[in-house]
Amino acid sequence: MDAKKAYPVVFLPGAIMPAAPQYEPLLKVLDGTVEPVLKDLELYRDAAPPPDYSVDVEVQALRRVADDRHLHDFHLMAYSGGGAVALAFIATYPDRVRTLALSEPAVIPSPAWMRAEAAYYAEIQAAMALRPADQLREFTRLNLRPGVVPPPTPPGPPPPWMSLRPAGLRAINAAFHNTHLDLDSFRQYRRPVYLAVGSLTHAIEERKAKTLADLFSDFRLEVYEGRHHFDPPQRAEPERFARALRELWARGEPAA
């Protein structure tokens, strides 16, 4: 890649924090080396989740954003719920993504995966039925290993977007249970994949990593010691994370 040319990268956030604050620390480190497209989830396009909301709604919205930016292909970086969308996107449009970088995707969006992990996701679904404050507390607990202390509540009033999150979390978790992709559909993606996992996140992340390693022919896992789902490396260790991304993107660039 020409030294003056920036990598075209689409960034997808999770289902709680919007893309801009989620990736702000990372983008400061990557300044000048990326042409970032921050794509928030369609889940929060309006004051309530779309009535027809599904993972495919997110996939098609991502395709439209790429088309509008004239990005025939691009690098894709995604976290948590956005990671599930990214996996669905590369299963649907494998030729449009040069590399895929994931930070603890919420699920592998396939009925086979959801059935295999039914007990865990039943607990998540039960948490979604709780009142908002209890919902987020239980959701946080379920994403951590036993005994890990949850992150403290940030000081001051919550940001305005936080009021939309209880309904959004319910909608996206319902959508995960209605996915339709076969696990084998991910195998058609043969470009480099990078997965970051925190050592303090629930053990389901280890099982996701093993499944993804089996599905992707060019796969690298990196474990971040002392990190977890709510202290992810893109925010907690942006310099280290940026090095991994640059290596990934360099390998995924088309030949001159």
C-alpha atoms as a PDB file:
ATOM      1  CA  MET A   1       0.000   0.000   0.000  1.00  0.00           C
ATOM      2  CA  ASP A   2       1.161   3.514  -0.814  1.00  0.00           C
ATOM      3  CA  ALA A   3       2.379   5.202   2.384  1.00  0.00           C
ATOM      4  CA  LYS A   4       0.131   8.175   1.660  1.00  0.00           C
ATOM      5  CA  LYS A   5      -2.959   6.080   1.188  1.00  0.00           C
ATOM      6  CA  ALA A   6      -5.236   5.470   4.181  1.00  0.00           C
ATOM      7  CA  TYR A   7      -7.022   2.202   4.810  1.00  0.00           C
ATOM      8  CA  PRO A   8     -10.792   2.359   4.155  1.00  0.00           C
ATOM      9  CA  VAL A   9     -12.317   0.982   7.367  1.00  0.00           C
ATOM     10  CA  VAL A  10     -15.917   0.717   8.509  1.00  0.00           C
ATOM     11  CA  PHE A  11     -16.344   0.627  12.295  1.00  0.00           C
ATOM     12  CA  LEU A  12     -19.424  -0.970  13.885  1.00  0.00           C
ATOM     13  CA  PRO A  13     -20.154  -0.501  17.610  1.00  0.00           C
ATOM     14  CA  GLY A  14     -21.989  -2.732  20.054  1.00  0.00           C
ATOM     15  CA  ALA A  15     -25.552  -2.339  21.240  1.00  0.00           C
ATOM     16  CA  ILE A  16     -24.810   0.094  24.077  1.00  0.00           C
ATOM     17  CA  MET A  17     -22.185   2.753  23.298  1.00  0.00           C
ATOM     18  CA  PRO A  18     -22.384   4.585  19.937  1.00  0.00           C
ATOM     19  CA  ALA A  19     -19.547   4.270  17.450  1.00  0.00           C
ATOM     20  CA  ALA A  20     -17.922   7.671  18.084  1.00  0.00           C
ATOM     21  CA  PRO A  21     -17.146   7.227  21.816  1.00  0.00           C
ATOM     22  CA  GLN A  22     -16.529   3.509  21.384  1.00  0.00           C
ATOM     23  CA  TYR A  23     -13.723   4.056  18.898  1.00  0.00           C
ATOM     24  CA  GLU A  24     -12.462   7.506  19.914  1.00  0.00           C
ATOM     25  CA  PRO A  25      -9.300   6.236  21.728  1.00  0.00           C
ATOM     26  CA  LEU A  26      -8.451   3.902  18.850  1.00  0.00           C
ATOM     27  CA  LEU A  27      -8.994   6.492  16.140  1.00  0.00           C
ATOM     28  CA  LYS A  28      -6.680   8.924  17.918  1.00  0.00           C
ATOM     29  CA  VAL A  29      -3.914   6.318  17.625  1.00  0.00           C
ATOM     30  CA  LEU A  30      -4.827   5.488  14.016  1.00  0.00           C
ATOM     31  CA  ASP A  31      -5.024   9.136  12.957  1.00  0.00           C
ATOM     32  CA  GLY A  32      -3.825   9.529   9.369  1.00  0.00           C
ATOM     33  CA  THR A  33      -3.726   5.814   8.599  1.00  0.00           C
ATOM     34  CA  VAL A  34      -7.448   5.174   8.127  1.00  0.00           C
ATOM     35  CA  GLU A  35     -10.381   6.621   6.253  1.00  0.00           C
ATOM     36  CA  PRO A  36     -12.914   5.796   8.988  1.00  0.00           C
ATOM     37  CA  VAL A  37     -16.606   5.277   8.427  1.00  0.00           C
ATOM     38  CA  LEU A  38     -18.385   5.172  11.802  1.00  0.00           C
ATOM     39  CA  LYS A  39     -21.617   3.251  11.224  1.00  0.00           C
ATOM     40  CA  ASP A  40     -24.022   3.237  14.156  1.00  0.00           C
ATOM     41  CA  LEU A  41     -26.539   0.425  14.358  1.00  0.00           C
ATOM     42  CA  GLU A  42     -29.898   0.774  12.613  1.00  0.00           C
ATOM     43  CA  LEU A  43     -31.289  -0.337  15.950  1.00  0.00           C
ATOM     44  CA  TYR A  44     -31.039   3.297  17.078  1.00  0.00           C
ATOM     45  CA  ARG A  45     -31.902   5.072  13.846  1.00  0.00           C
ATOM     46  CA  ASP A  46     -35.205   6.210  15.393  1.00  0.00           C
ATOM     47  CA  ALA A  47     -36.587   6.624  18.911  1.00  0.00           C
ATOM     48  CA  ALA A  48     -37.568   2.940  18.959  1.00  0.00           C
ATOM     49  CA  PRO A  49     -36.163  -0.151  17.215  1.00  0.00           C
ATOM     50  CA  PRO A  50     -37.626  -0.738  13.734  1.00  0.00           C
ATOM     51  CA  PRO A  51     -40.725  -2.973  13.929  1.00  0.00           C
ATOM     52  CA  ASP A  52     -39.208  -5.316  11.342  1.00  0.00           C
ATOM     53  CA  TYR A  53     -35.800  -5.310  13.029  1.00  0.00           C
ATOM     54  CA  SER A  54     -33.449  -8.183  12.203  1.00  0.00           C
ATOM     55  CA  VAL A  55     -29.771  -8.878  11.713  1.00  0.00           C
ATOM     56  CA  ASP A  56     -30.381  -8.603   7.974  1.00  0.00           C
ATOM     57  CA  VAL A  57     -31.711  -5.043   8.460  1.00  0.00           C
ATOM     58  CA  GLU A  58     -28.235  -4.185   9.790  1.00  0.00           C
ATOM     59  CA  VAL A  59     -26.482  -6.089   7.008  1.00  0.00           C
ATOM     60  CA  GLN A  60     -28.360  -4.286   4.252  1.00  0.00           C
ATOM     61  CA  ALA A  61     -27.863  -0.901   5.928  1.00  0.00           C
ATOM     62  CA  LEU A  62     -24.119  -1.536   6.048  1.00  0.00           C
ATOM     63  CA  ARG A  63     -24.164  -2.438   2.347  1.00  0.00           C
ATOM     64  CA  ARG A  64     -25.971   0.802   1.533  1.00  0.00           C
ATOM     65  CA  VAL A  65     -23.474   2.879   3.509  1.00  0.00           C
ATOM     66  CA  ALA A  66     -20.587   1.219   1.667  1.00  0.00           C
ATOM     67  CA  ASP A  67     -22.320   1.823  -1.667  1.00  0.00           C
ATOM     68  CA  ASP A  68     -22.972   5.467  -0.813  1.00  0.00           C
ATOM     69  CA  ARG A  69     -19.263   5.893   0.012  1.00  0.00           C
ATOM     70  CA  HIS A  70     -18.316   4.126  -3.239  1.00  0.00           C
ATOM     71  CA  LEU A  71     -16.530   1.425  -1.243  1.00  0.00           C
ATOM     72  CA  HIS A  72     -16.564  -1.661  -3.409  1.00  0.00           C
ATOM     73  CA  ASP A  73     -14.536  -3.386  -0.707  1.00  0.00           C
ATOM     74  CA  PHE A  74     -13.189  -2.249   2.655  1.00  0.00           C
ATOM     75  CA  HIS A  75     -11.815  -3.370   5.995  1.00  0.00           C
ATOM     76  CA  LEU A  76     -14.429  -4.060   8.675  1.00  0.00           C
ATOM     77  CA  MET A  77     -13.891  -3.591  12.424  1.00  0.00           C
ATOM     78  CA  ALA A  78     -16.725  -4.527  14.788  1.00  0.00           C
ATOM     79  CA  TYR A  79     -17.441  -4.992  18.469  1.00  0.00           C
ATOM     80  CA  SER A  80     -20.056  -7.001  20.394  1.00  0.00           C
ATOM     81  CA  GLY A  81     -23.472  -6.674  18.698  1.00  0.00           C
ATOM     82  CA  GLY A  82     -21.782  -5.031  15.746  1.00  0.00           C
ATOM     83  CA  GLY A  83     -19.493  -8.061  15.584  1.00  0.00           C
ATOM     84  CA  ALA A  84     -22.501 -10.310  15.034  1.00  0.00           C
ATOM     85  CA  VAL A  85     -23.633  -7.983  12.235  1.00  0.00           C
ATOM     86  CA  ALA A  86     -20.139  -8.065  10.705  1.00  0.00           C
ATOM     87  CA  LEU A  87     -20.149 -11.864  10.690  1.00  0.00           C
ATOM     88  CA  ALA A  88     -23.531 -11.874   8.977  1.00  0.00           C
ATOM     89  CA  PHE A  89     -22.240  -9.335   6.452  1.00  0.00           C
ATOM     90  CA  ILE A  90     -19.200 -11.378   5.406  1.00  0.00           C
ATOM     91  CA  ALA A  91     -21.391 -14.471   5.125  1.00  0.00           C
ATOM     92  CA  THR A  92     -23.685 -12.536   2.776  1.00  0.00           C
ATOM     93  CA  TYR A  93     -21.128 -10.370   0.919  1.00  0.00           C
ATOM     94  CA  PRO A  94     -17.752 -12.107   1.359  1.00  0.00           C
ATOM     95  CA  ASP A  95     -16.084 -10.304  -1.547  1.00  0.00           C
ATOM     96  CA  ARG A  96     -16.739  -6.843  -0.141  1.00  0.00           C
ATOM     97  CA  VAL A  97     -14.590  -7.113   2.999  1.00  0.00           C
ATOM     98  CA  ARG A  98     -10.785  -7.093   2.707  1.00  0.00           C
ATOM     99  CA  THR A  99     -10.247  -8.089   6.344  1.00  0.00           C
ATOM    100  CA  LEU A 100     -12.450  -8.661   9.352  1.00  0.00           C
ATOM    101  CA  ALA A 101     -11.435  -7.521  12.856  1.00  0.00           C
ATOM    102  CA  LEU A 102     -13.665  -8.545  15.765  1.00  0.00           C
ATOM    103  CA  SER A 103     -13.676  -7.565  19.413  1.00  0.00           C
ATOM    104  CA  GLU A 104     -15.822 -10.114  21.264  1.00  0.00           C
ATOM    105  CA  PRO A 105     -18.784 -10.478  18.875  1.00  0.00           C
ATOM    106  CA  ALA A 106     -22.028 -10.909  20.804  1.00  0.00           C
ATOM    107  CA  VAL A 107     -22.965 -14.099  18.953  1.00  0.00           C
ATOM    108  CA  ILE A 108     -22.102 -16.152  15.923  1.00  0.00           C
ATOM    109  CA  PRO A 109     -25.334 -15.408  14.027  1.00  0.00           C
ATOM    110  CA  SER A 110     -26.479 -18.905  13.156  1.00  0.00           C
ATOM    111  CA  PRO A 111     -29.289 -21.100  14.505  1.00  0.00           C
ATOM    112  CA  ALA A 112     -26.757 -23.893  15.051  1.00  0.00           C
ATOM    113  CA  TRP A 113     -24.640 -21.663  17.320  1.00  0.00           C
ATOM    114  CA  MET A 114     -27.665 -20.350  19.207  1.00  0.00           C
ATOM    115  CA  ARG A 115     -28.897 -23.909  19.812  1.00  0.00           C
ATOM    116  CA  ALA A 116     -25.467 -25.055  20.973  1.00  0.00           C
ATOM    117  CA  GLU A 117     -25.309 -22.196  23.497  1.00  0.00           C
ATOM    118  CA  ALA A 118     -29.016 -22.219  24.381  1.00  0.00           C
ATOM    119  CA  ALA A 119     -28.468 -22.269  28.145  1.00  0.00           C
ATOM    120  CA  TYR A 120     -26.282 -19.159  28.118  1.00  0.00           C
ATOM    121  CA  TYR A 121     -28.495 -17.171  25.773  1.00  0.00           C
ATOM    122  CA  ALA A 122     -31.600 -18.160  27.764  1.00  0.00           C
ATOM    123  CA  GLU A 123     -30.006 -16.345  30.706  1.00  0.00           C
ATOM    124  CA  ILE A 124     -29.384 -13.319  28.493  1.00  0.00           C
ATOM    125  CA  GLN A 125     -33.012 -13.394  27.324  1.00  0.00           C
ATOM    126  CA  ALA A 126     -34.210 -13.570  30.933  1.00  0.00           C
ATOM    127  CA  ALA A 127     -32.113 -10.492  31.725  1.00  0.00           C
ATOM    128  CA  MET A 128     -33.772  -8.637  28.853  1.00  0.00           C
ATOM    129  CA  ALA A 129     -37.164  -9.006  30.552  1.00  0.00           C
ATOM    130  CA  LEU A 130     -36.035  -7.139  33.675  1.00  0.00           C
ATOM    131  CA  ARG A 131     -36.647  -3.460  34.382  1.00  0.00           C
ATOM    132  CA  PRO A 132     -33.985  -1.232  32.746  1.00  0.00           C
ATOM    133  CA  ALA A 133     -31.588  -0.783  35.690  1.00  0.00           C
ATOM    134  CA  ASP A 134     -31.692  -4.488  36.570  1.00  0.00           C
ATOM    135  CA  GLN A 135     -31.473  -5.460  32.898  1.00  0.00           C
ATOM    136  CA  LEU A 136     -28.158  -3.729  32.369  1.00  0.00           C
ATOM    137  CA  ARG A 137     -26.759  -4.956  35.704  1.00  0.00           C
ATOM    138  CA  GLU A 138     -27.628  -8.577  34.931  1.00  0.00           C
ATOM    139  CA  PHE A 139     -26.470  -8.282  31.305  1.00  0.00           C
ATOM    140  CA  THR A 140     -23.121  -7.018  32.568  1.00  0.00           C
ATOM    141  CA  ARG A 141     -22.786  -9.831  35.099  1.00  0.00           C
ATOM    142  CA  LEU A 142     -23.550 -12.479  32.490  1.00  0.00           C
ATOM    143  CA  ASN A 143     -20.763 -11.207  30.239  1.00  0.00           C
ATOM    144  CA  LEU A 144     -18.076 -11.524  32.933  1.00  0.00           C
ATOM    145  CA  ARG A 145     -16.357 -14.493  34.495  1.00  0.00           C
ATOM    146  CA  PRO A 146     -17.566 -15.377  38.004  1.00  0.00           C
ATOM    147  CA  GLY A 147     -15.984 -13.121  40.611  1.00  0.00           C
ATOM    148  CA  VAL A 148     -14.997 -10.341  38.207  1.00  0.00           C
ATOM    149  CA  VAL A 149     -16.055  -6.967  39.585  1.00  0.00           C
ATOM    150  CA  PRO A 150     -18.296  -5.079  37.130  1.00  0.00           C
ATOM    151  CA  PRO A 151     -17.081  -1.657  35.976  1.00  0.00           C
ATOM    152  CA  PRO A 152     -18.327   1.271  38.089  1.00  0.00           C
ATOM    153  CA  THR A 153     -21.156   3.435  36.852  1.00  0.00           C
ATOM    154  CA  PRO A 154     -19.698   6.578  35.222  1.00  0.00           C
ATOM    155  CA  PRO A 155     -20.177   9.714  37.313  1.00  0.00           C
ATOM    156  CA  GLY A 156     -22.821  12.251  36.426  1.00  0.00           C
ATOM    157  CA  PRO A 157     -26.095  11.844  34.559  1.00  0.00           C
ATOM    158  CA  PRO A 158     -26.272   9.174  31.844  1.00  0.00           C
ATOM    159  CA  PRO A 159     -25.877  10.352  28.239  1.00  0.00           C
ATOM    160  CA  PRO A 160     -29.156  10.970  26.358  1.00  0.00           C
ATOM    161  CA  TRP A 161     -28.687   7.934  24.121  1.00  0.00           C
ATOM    162  CA  MET A 162     -28.692   5.613  27.132  1.00  0.00           C
ATOM    163  CA  SER A 163     -32.490   5.854  27.455  1.00  0.00           C
ATOM    164  CA  LEU A 164     -32.844   3.937  24.167  1.00  0.00           C
ATOM    165  CA  ARG A 165     -30.645   1.030  25.221  1.00  0.00           C
ATOM    166  CA  PRO A 166     -33.072  -1.179  27.198  1.00  0.00           C
ATOM    167  CA  ALA A 167     -35.416  -1.515  24.222  1.00  0.00           C
ATOM    168  CA  GLY A 168     -32.460  -1.815  21.864  1.00  0.00           C
ATOM    169  CA  LEU A 169     -30.880  -4.632  23.839  1.00  0.00           C
ATOM    170  CA  ARG A 170     -34.170  -6.527  23.856  1.00  0.00           C
ATOM    171  CA  ALA A 171     -34.604  -6.072  20.102  1.00  0.00           C
ATOM    172  CA  ILE A 172     -31.102  -7.087  19.079  1.00  0.00           C
ATOM    173  CA  ASN A 173     -31.092 -10.143  21.328  1.00  0.00           C
ATOM    174  CA  ALA A 174     -34.429 -11.229  19.858  1.00  0.00           C
ATOM    175  CA  ALA A 175     -32.934 -10.736  16.385  1.00  0.00           C
ATOM    176  CA  PHE A 176     -30.002 -12.999  17.251  1.00  0.00           C
ATOM    177  CA  HIS A 177     -32.477 -15.778  18.058  1.00  0.00           C
ATOM    178  CA  ASN A 178     -34.067 -15.355  14.617  1.00  0.00           C
ATOM    179  CA  THR A 179     -30.913 -15.567  12.510  1.00  0.00           C
ATOM    180  CA  HIS A 180     -30.978 -17.836   9.481  1.00  0.00           C
ATOM    181  CA  LEU A 181     -27.341 -18.291   8.436  1.00  0.00           C
ATOM    182  CA  ASP A 182     -25.817 -21.743   8.263  1.00  0.00           C
ATOM    183  CA  LEU A 183     -22.436 -22.034   9.974  1.00  0.00           C
ATOM    184  CA  ASP A 184     -20.907 -23.243   6.712  1.00  0.00           C
ATOM    185  CA  SER A 185     -21.847 -19.943   5.056  1.00  0.00           C
ATOM    186  CA  PHE A 186     -18.992 -18.298   6.961  1.00  0.00           C
ATOM    187  CA  ARG A 187     -16.425 -20.626   5.369  1.00  0.00           C
ATOM    188  CA  GLN A 188     -16.718 -18.854   2.011  1.00  0.00           C
ATOM    189  CA  TYR A 189     -14.899 -15.883   3.562  1.00  0.00           C
ATOM    190  CA  ARG A 190     -11.195 -16.615   3.011  1.00  0.00           C
ATOM    191  CA  ARG A 191      -9.533 -13.319   3.861  1.00  0.00           C
ATOM    192  CA  PRO A 192      -7.711 -12.492   7.120  1.00  0.00           C
ATOM    193  CA  VAL A 193      -9.718 -12.477  10.358  1.00  0.00           C
ATOM    194  CA  TYR A 194      -8.542 -11.124  13.721  1.00  0.00           C
ATOM    195  CA  LEU A 195     -10.351 -11.752  17.005  1.00  0.00           C
ATOM    196  CA  ALA A 196      -9.626  -9.941  20.289  1.00  0.00           C
ATOM    197  CA  VAL A 197     -10.870 -11.497  23.534  1.00  0.00           C
ATOM    198  CA  GLY A 198     -10.474 -10.343  27.136  1.00  0.00           C
ATOM    199  CA  SER A 199      -9.294 -12.887  29.682  1.00  0.00           C
ATOM    200  CA  LEU A 200     -11.950 -11.781  32.203  1.00  0.00           C
ATOM    201  CA  THR A 201     -14.954 -12.110  29.893  1.00  0.00           C
ATOM    202  CA  HIS A 202     -17.340 -15.057  30.212  1.00  0.00           C
ATOM    203  CA  ALA A 203     -15.899 -18.380  29.023  1.00  0.00           C
ATOM    204  CA  ILE A 204     -18.310 -18.402  26.082  1.00  0.00           C
ATOM    205  CA  GLU A 205     -15.750 -16.184  24.318  1.00  0.00           C
ATOM    206  CA  GLU A 206     -13.305 -19.104  24.323  1.00  0.00           C
ATOM    207  CA  ARG A 207     -15.934 -21.279  22.668  1.00  0.00           C
ATOM    208  CA  LYS A 208     -16.671 -18.600  20.067  1.00  0.00           C
ATOM    209  CA  ALA A 209     -12.953 -18.377  19.319  1.00  0.00           C
ATOM    210  CA  LYS A 210     -12.689 -22.149  18.780  1.00  0.00           C
ATOM    211  CA  THR A 211     -15.693 -22.124  16.451  1.00  0.00           C
ATOM    212  CA  LEU A 212     -14.419 -19.154  14.452  1.00  0.00           C
ATOM    213  CA  ALA A 213     -10.953 -20.707  14.179  1.00  0.00           C
ATOM    214  CA  ASP A 214     -12.605 -23.729  12.589  1.00  0.00           C
ATOM    215  CA  LEU A 215     -14.688 -21.620  10.200  1.00  0.00           C
ATOM    216  CA  PHE A 216     -11.991 -19.256   8.914  1.00  0.00           C
ATOM    217  CA  SER A 217      -8.888 -20.416   7.059  1.00  0.00           C
ATOM    218  CA  ASP A 218      -6.853 -17.286   7.927  1.00  0.00           C
ATOM    219  CA  PHE A 219      -7.595 -16.614  11.594  1.00  0.00           C
ATOM    220  CA  ARG A 220      -5.670 -15.017  14.446  1.00  0.00           C
ATOM    221  CA  LEU A 221      -6.791 -14.893  18.094  1.00  0.00           C
ATOM    222  CA  GLU A 222      -5.280 -12.447  20.588  1.00  0.00           C
ATOM    223  CA  VAL A 223      -6.131 -12.606  24.290  1.00  0.00           C
ATOM    224  CA  TYR A 224      -5.898  -9.382  26.282  1.00  0.00           C
ATOM    225  CA  GLU A 225      -5.075 -10.261  29.880  1.00  0.00           C
ATOM    226  CA  GLY A 226      -7.049  -8.422  32.534  1.00  0.00           C
ATOM    227  CA  ARG A 227      -9.599  -7.069  30.034  1.00  0.00           C
ATOM    228  CA  HIS A 228     -13.262  -7.904  29.619  1.00  0.00           C
ATOM    229  CA  HIS A 229     -16.290  -7.095  27.499  1.00  0.00           C
ATOM    230  CA  PHE A 230     -16.870  -3.710  29.165  1.00  0.00           C
ATOM    231  CA  ASP A 231     -13.177  -2.796  29.209  1.00  0.00           C
ATOM    232  CA  PRO A 232     -12.370  -3.800  25.618  1.00  0.00           C
ATOM    233  CA  PRO A 233      -8.945  -3.400  24.021  1.00  0.00           C
ATOM    234  CA  GLN A 234     -10.046  -0.816  21.456  1.00  0.00           C
ATOM    235  CA  ARG A 235     -10.615   1.537  24.392  1.00  0.00           C
ATOM    236  CA  ALA A 236      -8.328   0.142  27.110  1.00  0.00           C
ATOM    237  CA  GLU A 237      -5.223  -0.672  25.011  1.00  0.00           C
ATOM    238  CA  PRO A 238      -5.640   1.284  21.777  1.00  0.00           C
ATOM    239  CA  GLU A 239      -1.912   1.347  20.897  1.00  0.00           C
ATOM    240  CA  ARG A 240      -1.574  -2.428  21.078  1.00  0.00           C
ATOM    241  CA  PHE A 241      -4.883  -2.942  19.335  1.00  0.00           C
ATOM    242  CA  ALA A 242      -3.905  -0.513  16.583  1.00  0.00           C
ATOM    243  CA  ARG A 243      -0.681  -2.442  15.930  1.00  0.00           C
ATOM    244  CA  ALA A 244      -2.670  -5.629  15.444  1.00  0.00           C
ATOM    245  CA  LEU A 245      -5.076  -3.879  13.096  1.00  0.00           C
ATOM    246  CA  ARG A 246      -2.322  -2.359  10.977  1.00  0.00           C
ATOM    247  CA  GLU A 247      -0.736  -5.788  10.574  1.00  0.00           C
ATOM    248  CA  LEU A 248      -4.109  -7.250   9.617  1.00  0.00           C
ATOM    249  CA  TRP A 249      -4.928  -4.505   7.145  1.00  0.00           C
ATOM    250  CA  ALA A 250      -1.516  -4.674   5.470  1.00  0.00           C
ATOM    251  CA  ARG A 251      -2.031  -8.392   4.828  1.00  0.00           C
ATOM    252  CA  GLY A 252      -5.492  -7.777   3.426  1.00  0.00           C
ATOM    253  CA  GLU A 253      -4.628  -5.038   0.966  1.00  0.00           C
ATOM    254  CA  PRO A 254      -5.007  -5.932  -2.744  1.00  0.00           C
ATOM    255  CA  ALA A 255      -1.804  -6.438  -4.655  1.00  0.00           C
ATOM    256  CA  ALA A 256      -0.444  -3.360  -6.425  1.00  0.00           C
END
